[in-house]
Amino acid sequence: MTKGLQVFFIGVFAISFFSNSQKKSFSNNNDRLKAAIDSILQSQVDGDKIPGAVIQVRRAGKILFTNAYGYAQKYDFNHQLLNPPEKMTVEHMFDIASLTKVIGTTTSIMLLVDKGLVNIEDPVGKYIEAFNAPDKQSITIRHLLTHSAGLYEWYPLYYRCRNKSEVFKLIGELPLKYPVGAGRHYSDLGFVILGEIIERISGLPLQQFVEQNIFIPLKMDHSTYNPLQSKKFTKIAATGPGNPYEKRMVYDSTLGFKIKDIDPDSWNGWRTYVLRGEVDDGNAWYANGGISGAAGLFSTVADIQKLVDMLMNKGRVGSDQFISEKTIELFLTKDRFNNGLGWMMDNLNSFMKNAPEGSFGHTGFTGTSIAVIPEKSISIILLINRENMGLQKNGEYYNVGPVRQQVFEAVMKNSICPPFCIFSGAETDSLKFSTK
C-alpha cells in the first residue's frame, strides 16, 4: 500500500470514528435531556402543582424532545377532580395569553414595517387622533412595542366598554400613568392599541390580518382567536375557574391595580365556569369579543415552533424571505431597557436566566413561555395550563417561574449539536402579503 493510500484510509477512519463518537455523544446527551425534563415536569404533575404541560425543544432544525404531561383539564369549577380527567397531548391547543403579543401583534407590525406601511418611530397620533393630545403626542410605535409609552399597565376596560371601538376610545382618553419613554412598565393597553393600528393600516380586522398574513402562509393550522367558533378544534387545554385572580385585581388594592374611579360592584359579569376555548384575559373576553392585540390567541406547540423557526432562520421560510433580515435584526436588538421590540431579551428573566446575548422570548400569564437562544440554535416552548388548579390559599396562581428556569437550565446543560446538524427552518409553498 502506498503512503498516499495509507493517509487516505487513516483519514476516512478518523472521520468515521469522529462522526460515530459525536452521534453517540449526541444520543447520550439527548437521553439525559429527556430524563431531566421528565423529572421536572412529571414531578410537578405528580405533586398536584400543575394539571399538565407540553414541551418542545428544538436545536439546529431538529426536534430534540417533545412530550405531554398530565391533564388538559383536571378539575371542575368547584375544584373537584374530574372522573376521568382529560389527558394532555402534544396536539392540545393552549390559551397562550401574552404570547399573543409576540406571535400575533409583534409579527404583524414586523410585516407592516417590512412593507414600508409603518415606521417604528412614527408617532401613534399619525394613526389614532386621540394620541395627538399634548400628553400623548410624543408616543411612538416603538414606545408601545417596548412598554415605555407611560400607559397604565392594566385597566378593567370591561367596566366601561362593551366592544373594541369603546375600548380604543377609552384608552385614548385615559391619562398617562408615567412619563413617556422614562421607563419600562409592562402594559397590556399598549398592545391593545397596536392591534388598533394594525387594523387601521391594513383595513382588516385584527384576526383576519393575522390569519391571512401569518397563520396561513406559515401553515399554522391550529392557531386562532375564539377556537370554539370553529368546529374543527376539539383538543383545547382548560384554564381557570372563571377569572378569580382578575376579580382580585379589581377588588384588592394590595395588588396595586385598583382604579380609584372604578366601583368594583358596578359590574358583575364574571364567568362562573371553567374556561376552555374562551380566552382567560378579561379585557380580551368581556370587552373585545375574545380578540385583542394583548391576548386572545390559542395555539399548539407545533404551530408556535413554525413561527420561532422563521425568526431563528433570520426571516426565511424554506426558500422564501417571509420577513427581511433587516427587520428581524431591528426587532431583536436590545434597547436601553435590555429588551427588543415586542420580545423580551433581558436574560435576568427566569425563563431564560443567564442566556447568551441575543437570546429572546416571552411568557404568558396562563403558564406559557418561549425561550430562543440563537447562539446555540436552541428553542424551548413550554406550555402549562396552571390556572386549572385554581387559586392557592394565598390568592395567587401557582408560580411556574422556577419550573421554567429548571427546564431552561436542563436544556442548556444537556443539549449539544454535532457537526452534522444543519438548521433548515419551516417549509411553505408560497408567502404572500395581504391587506385587503
Protein backbone atom coordinates (compact mmCIF):
# COMPACT_ATOMS: atom_id res chain seq x y z
CA MET A 1 0.00 0.00 0.00
CA THR A 2 1.37 3.39 -0.96
CA LYS A 3 1.88 6.13 1.59
CA GLY A 4 -0.85 8.17 -0.12
CA LEU A 5 -3.41 5.37 0.27
CA GLN A 6 -2.41 4.91 3.90
CA VAL A 7 -3.08 8.57 4.59
CA PHE A 8 -6.40 8.34 2.76
CA PHE A 9 -7.65 5.33 4.75
CA ILE A 10 -6.46 6.84 8.02
CA GLY A 11 -8.39 9.99 7.17
CA VAL A 12 -11.56 8.03 6.33
CA PHE A 13 -11.27 6.07 9.58
CA ALA A 14 -10.72 9.25 11.61
CA ILE A 15 -13.76 10.95 10.07
CA SER A 16 -15.91 7.86 10.62
CA PHE A 17 -14.72 7.49 14.21
CA PHE A 18 -15.30 11.19 14.94
CA SER A 19 -18.77 11.13 13.39
CA ASN A 20 -19.83 7.99 15.27
CA SER A 21 -18.48 9.28 18.57
CA GLN A 22 -20.29 12.56 18.06
CA LYS A 23 -23.53 10.72 17.28
CA LYS A 24 -23.12 8.62 20.41
CA SER A 25 -22.41 11.72 22.49
CA PHE A 26 -25.44 13.45 20.98
CA SER A 27 -27.64 10.44 21.79
CA ASN A 28 -26.38 10.25 25.38
CA ASN A 29 -26.98 13.97 25.93
CA ASN A 30 -30.43 13.68 24.41
CA ASP A 31 -31.27 10.82 26.78
CA ARG A 32 -30.10 12.93 29.71
CA LEU A 33 -32.16 15.87 28.45
CA LYS A 34 -35.32 13.77 28.26
CA ALA A 35 -34.70 12.30 31.69
CA ALA A 36 -34.10 15.74 33.21
CA ILE A 37 -37.22 17.31 31.71
CA ASP A 38 -39.35 14.28 32.54
CA SER A 39 -38.21 14.53 36.15
CA ILE A 40 -39.00 18.25 36.38
CA LEU A 41 -42.42 18.28 34.72
CA GLN A 42 -43.74 14.90 35.86
CA SER A 43 -42.88 15.74 39.46
CA GLN A 44 -44.91 18.94 39.14
CA VAL A 45 -47.89 16.95 37.87
CA ASP A 46 -47.48 14.19 40.47
CA GLY A 47 -47.21 16.81 43.22
CA ASP A 48 -50.51 18.37 42.11
CA LYS A 49 -48.76 21.66 41.41
CA ILE A 50 -49.81 21.89 37.75
CA PRO A 51 -52.51 19.97 35.84
CA GLY A 52 -50.38 19.36 32.76
CA ALA A 53 -47.81 20.63 30.30
CA VAL A 54 -46.49 20.29 26.77
CA ILE A 55 -42.87 20.94 25.87
CA GLN A 56 -40.82 21.03 22.71
CA VAL A 57 -37.06 21.54 22.50
CA ARG A 58 -35.50 22.08 19.09
CA ARG A 59 -31.91 22.61 18.05
CA ALA A 60 -30.43 23.30 14.63
CA GLY A 61 -33.63 22.38 12.84
CA LYS A 62 -34.06 19.07 14.66
CA ILE A 63 -36.55 18.33 17.43
CA LEU A 64 -34.65 17.02 20.43
CA PHE A 65 -37.66 16.41 22.62
CA THR A 66 -41.44 16.74 22.53
CA ASN A 67 -43.76 15.43 25.20
CA ALA A 68 -47.04 15.96 27.02
CA TYR A 69 -47.62 15.52 30.76
CA GLY A 70 -50.65 15.27 32.98
CA TYR A 71 -54.05 16.59 32.04
CA ALA A 72 -55.67 19.12 29.73
CA GLN A 73 -58.36 19.51 32.39
CA LYS A 74 -58.10 18.02 35.84
CA TYR A 75 -60.62 19.96 37.95
CA ASP A 76 -64.12 21.36 37.58
CA PHE A 77 -65.23 24.82 38.69
CA ASN A 78 -65.53 23.73 42.34
CA HIS A 79 -62.06 22.13 42.28
CA GLN A 80 -63.48 18.63 42.20
CA LEU A 81 -61.37 16.05 40.40
CA LEU A 82 -62.88 15.06 37.07
CA ASN A 83 -63.68 11.39 36.59
CA PRO A 84 -61.78 10.84 34.44
CA PRO A 85 -59.64 13.95 33.87
CA GLU A 86 -58.79 14.67 30.23
CA LYS A 87 -55.28 13.53 29.31
CA MET A 88 -52.91 16.10 27.82
CA THR A 89 -51.49 15.50 24.33
CA VAL A 90 -48.97 17.42 22.24
CA GLU A 91 -51.86 18.29 19.90
CA HIS A 92 -53.76 20.28 22.53
CA MET A 93 -54.30 23.98 21.90
CA PHE A 94 -53.47 26.39 24.72
CA ASP A 95 -54.66 29.87 25.57
CA ILE A 96 -51.22 31.39 25.00
CA ALA A 97 -52.14 34.64 26.81
CA SER A 98 -49.45 37.31 26.35
CA LEU A 99 -47.59 35.20 23.79
CA THR A 100 -50.29 36.80 21.61
CA LYS A 101 -48.26 39.99 21.88
CA VAL A 102 -45.30 38.43 20.04
CA ILE A 103 -46.82 35.63 17.95
CA GLY A 104 -49.61 37.80 16.55
CA THR A 105 -49.18 41.51 17.20
CA THR A 106 -45.40 41.97 17.03
CA THR A 107 -45.13 39.75 13.94
CA SER A 108 -47.92 41.77 12.30
CA ILE A 109 -46.08 45.02 12.97
CA MET A 110 -42.90 43.46 11.58
CA LEU A 111 -44.73 42.64 8.34
CA LEU A 112 -46.10 46.19 8.09
CA VAL A 113 -42.64 47.65 8.72
CA ASP A 114 -41.19 45.32 6.09
CA LYS A 115 -43.69 46.61 3.51
CA GLY A 116 -42.98 50.24 4.38
CA LEU A 117 -46.51 50.77 5.66
CA VAL A 118 -45.41 51.83 9.13
CA ASN A 119 -42.21 53.03 10.78
CA ILE A 120 -41.49 52.22 14.42
CA GLU A 121 -40.55 55.86 15.00
CA ASP A 122 -43.96 57.05 13.72
CA PRO A 123 -45.98 58.93 16.33
CA VAL A 124 -49.07 56.95 17.33
CA GLY A 125 -51.06 60.12 16.66
CA LYS A 126 -50.43 59.58 12.94
CA TYR A 127 -52.89 56.70 13.12
CA ILE A 128 -55.03 57.47 16.19
CA GLU A 129 -56.25 61.03 16.70
CA ALA A 130 -56.58 60.72 20.49
CA PHE A 131 -52.80 60.32 20.71
CA ASN A 132 -52.31 63.83 19.35
CA ALA A 133 -53.31 65.15 22.77
CA PRO A 134 -50.50 67.15 24.45
CA ASP A 135 -49.63 64.41 26.94
CA LYS A 136 -49.53 61.66 24.30
CA GLN A 137 -48.23 63.32 21.14
CA SER A 138 -44.66 62.13 21.72
CA ILE A 139 -45.65 58.46 21.98
CA THR A 140 -44.31 56.38 19.08
CA ILE A 141 -44.85 52.83 17.82
CA ARG A 142 -41.51 51.99 19.42
CA HIS A 143 -42.79 53.16 22.80
CA LEU A 144 -45.78 50.82 22.52
CA LEU A 145 -43.61 47.86 21.48
CA THR A 146 -41.16 48.45 24.34
CA HIS A 147 -43.76 49.15 27.04
CA SER A 148 -42.37 52.63 27.59
CA ALA A 149 -45.33 54.75 26.45
CA GLY A 150 -46.35 55.60 30.02
CA LEU A 151 -49.76 53.89 29.77
CA TYR A 152 -51.48 52.07 32.62
CA GLU A 153 -50.12 48.55 32.99
CA TRP A 154 -53.69 47.27 33.26
CA TYR A 155 -57.19 48.68 33.47
CA PRO A 156 -60.52 46.80 33.76
CA LEU A 157 -61.80 48.09 30.43
CA TYR A 158 -64.95 45.93 30.61
CA TYR A 159 -66.29 48.09 33.43
CA ARG A 160 -66.66 50.93 30.94
CA CYS A 161 -66.62 49.29 27.48
CA ARG A 162 -68.73 46.78 25.60
CA ASN A 163 -66.82 46.50 22.33
CA LYS A 164 -63.46 47.26 20.75
CA SER A 165 -64.50 50.72 19.48
CA GLU A 166 -65.31 51.78 23.02
CA VAL A 167 -62.06 50.19 24.23
CA PHE A 168 -59.92 52.12 21.74
CA LYS A 169 -61.73 55.35 22.64
CA LEU A 170 -61.29 54.84 26.39
CA ILE A 171 -57.56 54.07 26.19
CA GLY A 172 -57.08 57.23 24.14
CA GLU A 173 -58.87 59.25 26.84
CA LEU A 174 -57.11 57.78 29.89
CA PRO A 175 -54.36 59.92 31.40
CA LEU A 176 -50.82 58.62 31.31
CA LYS A 177 -49.53 56.93 34.45
CA TYR A 178 -45.81 57.54 33.75
CA PRO A 179 -43.71 59.99 31.68
CA VAL A 180 -43.31 58.89 28.06
CA GLY A 181 -40.07 56.95 27.49
CA ALA A 182 -38.89 57.27 31.08
CA GLY A 183 -39.10 53.59 31.98
CA ARG A 184 -40.39 50.16 31.01
CA HIS A 185 -43.80 49.47 32.53
CA TYR A 186 -45.26 46.32 31.02
CA SER A 187 -48.62 47.37 29.60
CA ASP A 188 -51.43 45.35 28.06
CA LEU A 189 -53.05 48.60 26.94
CA GLY A 190 -50.16 49.45 24.62
CA PHE A 191 -50.61 46.20 22.72
CA VAL A 192 -54.36 46.72 22.51
CA ILE A 193 -53.55 49.99 20.73
CA LEU A 194 -51.06 48.23 18.44
CA GLY A 195 -53.94 45.96 17.44
CA GLU A 196 -55.95 49.04 16.51
CA ILE A 197 -53.04 50.40 14.47
CA ILE A 198 -52.75 47.11 12.55
CA GLU A 199 -56.45 47.32 11.72
CA ARG A 200 -56.26 50.95 10.60
CA ILE A 201 -53.22 50.45 8.36
CA SER A 202 -54.32 47.15 6.80
CA GLY A 203 -58.04 47.83 6.56
CA LEU A 204 -58.66 44.38 8.02
CA PRO A 205 -59.96 43.18 11.39
CA LEU A 206 -57.02 42.06 13.53
CA GLN A 207 -57.94 38.38 13.49
CA GLN A 208 -58.27 38.40 9.70
CA PHE A 209 -54.92 40.13 9.19
CA VAL A 210 -53.15 37.66 11.49
CA GLU A 211 -54.77 34.66 9.83
CA GLN A 212 -54.12 35.78 6.23
CA ASN A 213 -50.59 37.07 6.72
CA ILE A 214 -49.13 34.82 9.44
CA PHE A 215 -51.10 31.65 10.08
CA ILE A 216 -51.98 30.67 6.51
CA PRO A 217 -48.55 31.28 4.93
CA LEU A 218 -46.72 29.64 7.85
CA LYS A 219 -49.22 26.76 7.87
CA MET A 220 -50.12 27.40 11.48
CA ASP A 221 -53.38 25.50 11.08
CA HIS A 222 -54.11 25.24 14.79
CA SER A 223 -53.69 28.90 15.73
CA THR A 224 -56.67 31.21 16.03
CA TYR A 225 -58.75 33.53 18.14
CA ASN A 226 -62.02 32.12 19.57
CA PRO A 227 -61.38 28.45 18.69
CA LEU A 228 -64.88 27.39 19.78
CA GLN A 229 -66.32 29.27 16.81
CA SER A 230 -64.78 26.59 14.61
CA LYS A 231 -65.99 23.02 14.88
CA LYS A 232 -62.58 21.60 13.91
CA PHE A 233 -60.80 22.27 17.22
CA THR A 234 -61.62 19.67 19.85
CA LYS A 235 -58.42 19.40 21.88
CA ILE A 236 -58.14 22.57 23.99
CA ALA A 237 -56.47 22.76 27.40
CA ALA A 238 -58.62 24.31 30.12
CA THR A 239 -57.55 27.38 32.06
CA GLY A 240 -59.13 28.87 35.16
CA PRO A 241 -62.45 28.59 37.00
CA GLY A 242 -63.67 31.93 35.68
CA ASN A 243 -61.45 34.92 36.47
CA PRO A 244 -60.83 34.76 40.24
CA TYR A 245 -57.44 36.47 40.13
CA GLU A 246 -58.60 39.25 37.82
CA LYS A 247 -61.52 39.83 40.18
CA ARG A 248 -58.95 40.24 42.96
CA MET A 249 -57.15 42.81 40.82
CA VAL A 250 -60.33 44.90 40.81
CA TYR A 251 -61.27 44.43 44.45
CA ASP A 252 -57.95 44.05 46.30
CA SER A 253 -55.95 47.28 46.49
CA THR A 254 -52.89 45.45 47.87
CA LEU A 255 -52.20 44.08 44.37
CA GLY A 256 -51.63 47.61 43.09
CA PHE A 257 -54.14 47.53 40.24
CA LYS A 258 -57.25 49.01 41.86
CA ILE A 259 -58.53 52.04 39.95
CA LYS A 260 -59.99 54.76 42.17
CA ASP A 261 -62.71 55.79 39.68
CA ILE A 262 -63.94 52.18 39.29
CA ASP A 263 -66.57 50.86 41.70
CA PRO A 264 -65.91 47.09 41.84
CA ASP A 265 -69.59 46.38 42.46
CA SER A 266 -70.78 48.36 39.43
CA TRP A 267 -70.25 45.39 37.11
CA ASN A 268 -70.82 41.70 37.76
CA GLY A 269 -70.40 39.79 34.52
CA TRP A 270 -67.78 37.40 35.89
CA ARG A 271 -67.76 33.94 34.33
CA THR A 272 -68.70 31.12 36.72
CA TYR A 273 -67.43 28.08 34.83
CA VAL A 274 -64.13 26.53 33.81
CA LEU A 275 -62.71 28.32 30.78
CA ARG A 276 -61.93 26.07 27.86
CA GLY A 277 -61.65 27.66 24.44
CA GLU A 278 -62.53 31.10 25.81
CA VAL A 279 -59.64 33.49 26.38
CA ASP A 280 -58.81 33.85 30.07
CA ASP A 281 -57.90 37.56 29.80
CA GLY A 282 -60.89 39.60 30.96
CA ASN A 283 -60.26 42.64 28.77
CA ALA A 284 -59.97 40.44 25.68
CA TRP A 285 -63.12 38.44 26.50
CA TYR A 286 -65.53 40.83 28.19
CA ALA A 287 -64.70 43.98 26.22
CA ASN A 288 -63.18 42.80 22.92
CA GLY A 289 -65.11 39.70 21.90
CA GLY A 290 -62.11 37.46 22.54
CA ILE A 291 -59.83 39.34 20.13
CA SER A 292 -57.08 41.70 21.24
CA GLY A 293 -53.53 42.68 20.42
CA ALA A 294 -52.59 41.85 24.02
CA ALA A 295 -54.20 38.41 24.44
CA GLY A 296 -56.66 36.01 22.88
CA LEU A 297 -54.72 33.65 20.63
CA PHE A 298 -54.84 29.88 21.03
CA SER A 299 -52.12 27.71 19.53
CA THR A 300 -50.21 24.44 19.74
CA VAL A 301 -46.56 23.73 20.40
CA ALA A 302 -46.07 22.66 16.75
CA ASP A 303 -47.59 25.87 15.37
CA ILE A 304 -45.58 28.13 17.67
CA GLN A 305 -42.46 26.27 16.58
CA LYS A 306 -43.09 27.27 12.95
CA LEU A 307 -43.00 30.96 13.80
CA VAL A 308 -39.98 30.53 16.08
CA ASP A 309 -38.14 28.67 13.31
CA MET A 310 -38.79 31.59 10.95
CA LEU A 311 -37.25 34.03 13.43
CA MET A 312 -34.27 31.76 14.11
CA ASN A 313 -33.70 31.44 10.37
CA LYS A 314 -33.49 35.26 10.04
CA GLY A 315 -36.90 35.60 8.45
CA ARG A 316 -36.56 32.80 5.94
CA VAL A 317 -39.12 30.04 5.49
CA GLY A 318 -37.89 27.43 3.09
CA SER A 319 -36.74 29.33 0.01
CA ASP A 320 -38.86 32.40 0.80
CA GLN A 321 -37.93 35.51 2.76
CA PHE A 322 -41.04 35.86 4.93
CA ILE A 323 -39.67 38.87 6.83
CA SER A 324 -36.47 40.65 5.82
CA GLU A 325 -33.31 40.01 7.80
CA LYS A 326 -33.07 43.76 8.37
CA THR A 327 -36.47 43.85 10.10
CA ILE A 328 -35.65 40.76 12.18
CA GLU A 329 -32.46 42.46 13.37
CA LEU A 330 -34.34 45.69 14.11
CA PHE A 331 -36.85 43.93 16.35
CA LEU A 332 -34.33 41.65 18.05
CA THR A 333 -31.84 44.32 19.06
CA LYS A 334 -31.77 45.28 22.75
CA ASP A 335 -32.92 48.74 23.76
CA ARG A 336 -31.77 50.68 26.82
CA PHE A 337 -34.20 48.65 28.93
CA ASN A 338 -32.48 45.43 27.78
CA ASN A 339 -35.40 44.23 25.68
CA GLY A 340 -36.27 44.07 21.99
CA LEU A 341 -39.32 45.34 20.14
CA GLY A 342 -42.16 43.23 21.48
CA TRP A 343 -39.81 40.43 22.53
CA MET A 344 -38.16 40.15 25.95
CA MET A 345 -34.36 39.95 25.75
CA ASP A 346 -33.30 40.57 29.35
CA ASN A 347 -31.52 37.41 30.49
CA LEU A 348 -32.36 38.17 34.10
CA ASN A 349 -35.81 36.74 33.35
CA SER A 350 -36.15 33.32 34.99
CA PHE A 351 -37.40 31.59 31.83
CA MET A 352 -34.04 32.29 30.11
CA LYS A 353 -31.80 33.07 33.09
CA ASN A 354 -28.20 33.88 32.10
CA ALA A 355 -28.87 33.09 28.43
CA PRO A 356 -26.24 34.26 25.91
CA GLU A 357 -26.60 37.73 24.40
CA GLY A 358 -29.11 37.83 21.56
CA SER A 359 -31.50 35.39 23.24
CA PHE A 360 -35.17 36.34 23.27
CA GLY A 361 -38.54 35.05 24.40
CA HIS A 362 -41.77 35.85 26.18
CA THR A 363 -44.16 34.49 28.79
CA GLY A 364 -47.93 34.25 29.13
CA PHE A 365 -50.00 34.55 32.32
CA THR A 366 -51.73 31.21 31.75
CA GLY A 367 -48.37 29.43 32.09
CA THR A 368 -46.96 29.59 28.57
CA SER A 369 -43.43 30.59 27.55
CA ILE A 370 -40.95 30.69 24.68
CA ALA A 371 -37.17 30.93 25.04
CA VAL A 372 -34.95 31.22 21.95
CA ILE A 373 -31.15 31.06 22.08
CA PRO A 374 -29.85 31.84 18.57
CA GLU A 375 -26.21 31.44 19.59
CA LYS A 376 -26.92 27.77 20.35
CA SER A 377 -29.66 27.33 17.70
CA ILE A 378 -31.97 26.26 20.54
CA SER A 379 -35.64 26.99 21.16
CA ILE A 380 -37.73 25.91 24.15
CA ILE A 381 -41.52 26.10 24.02
CA LEU A 382 -43.20 25.26 27.32
CA LEU A 383 -46.99 25.34 27.67
CA ILE A 384 -48.50 24.84 31.14
CA ASN A 385 -52.22 25.15 31.97
CA ARG A 386 -51.52 26.21 35.55
CA GLU A 387 -54.82 28.06 36.09
CA ASN A 388 -56.93 24.90 36.06
CA MET A 389 -55.57 24.28 39.57
CA GLY A 390 -57.45 27.37 40.76
CA LEU A 391 -56.02 29.92 43.17
CA GLN A 392 -53.82 28.84 46.05
CA LYS A 393 -54.63 29.75 49.64
CA ASN A 394 -52.63 32.96 49.25
CA GLY A 395 -54.93 34.10 46.43
CA GLU A 396 -52.28 33.59 43.73
CA TYR A 397 -51.91 31.09 40.93
CA TYR A 398 -49.03 28.65 41.30
CA ASN A 399 -45.77 30.32 40.29
CA VAL A 400 -44.28 28.43 37.33
CA GLY A 401 -41.24 30.72 37.11
CA PRO A 402 -38.96 28.26 38.93
CA VAL A 403 -40.24 25.43 36.70
CA ARG A 404 -39.38 27.42 33.59
CA GLN A 405 -35.93 28.14 34.97
CA GLN A 406 -35.28 24.48 35.81
CA VAL A 407 -36.32 23.41 32.31
CA PHE A 408 -34.15 26.09 30.70
CA GLU A 409 -31.12 25.08 32.75
CA ALA A 410 -31.67 21.40 31.93
CA VAL A 411 -31.81 22.17 28.21
CA MET A 412 -28.70 24.34 28.27
CA LYS A 413 -26.79 21.72 30.23
CA ASN A 414 -27.79 18.69 28.18
CA SER A 415 -28.15 19.94 24.62
CA ILE A 416 -25.30 19.63 22.17
CA CYS A 417 -25.18 19.86 18.40
CA PRO A 418 -22.84 17.59 16.47
CA PRO A 419 -21.25 18.80 13.23
CA PHE A 420 -23.94 17.20 11.08
CA CYS A 421 -26.76 19.41 12.48
CA ILE A 422 -27.99 21.89 9.91
CA PHE A 423 -30.81 24.34 10.60
CA SER A 424 -33.42 24.06 7.87
CA GLY A 425 -36.32 26.21 9.07
CA ALA A 426 -40.00 25.63 8.37
CA GLU A 427 -41.31 24.88 4.92
CA THR A 428 -44.02 26.66 2.95
CA ASP A 429 -45.31 26.75 -0.60
CA SER A 430 -45.82 30.47 -1.10
CA LEU A 431 -45.68 33.59 1.05
CA LYS A 432 -47.90 36.47 0.05
CA PHE A 433 -48.77 39.65 1.93
CA SER A 434 -52.42 40.66 2.10
CA THR A 435 -54.09 43.84 3.31
CA LYS A 436 -57.45 43.61 1.54
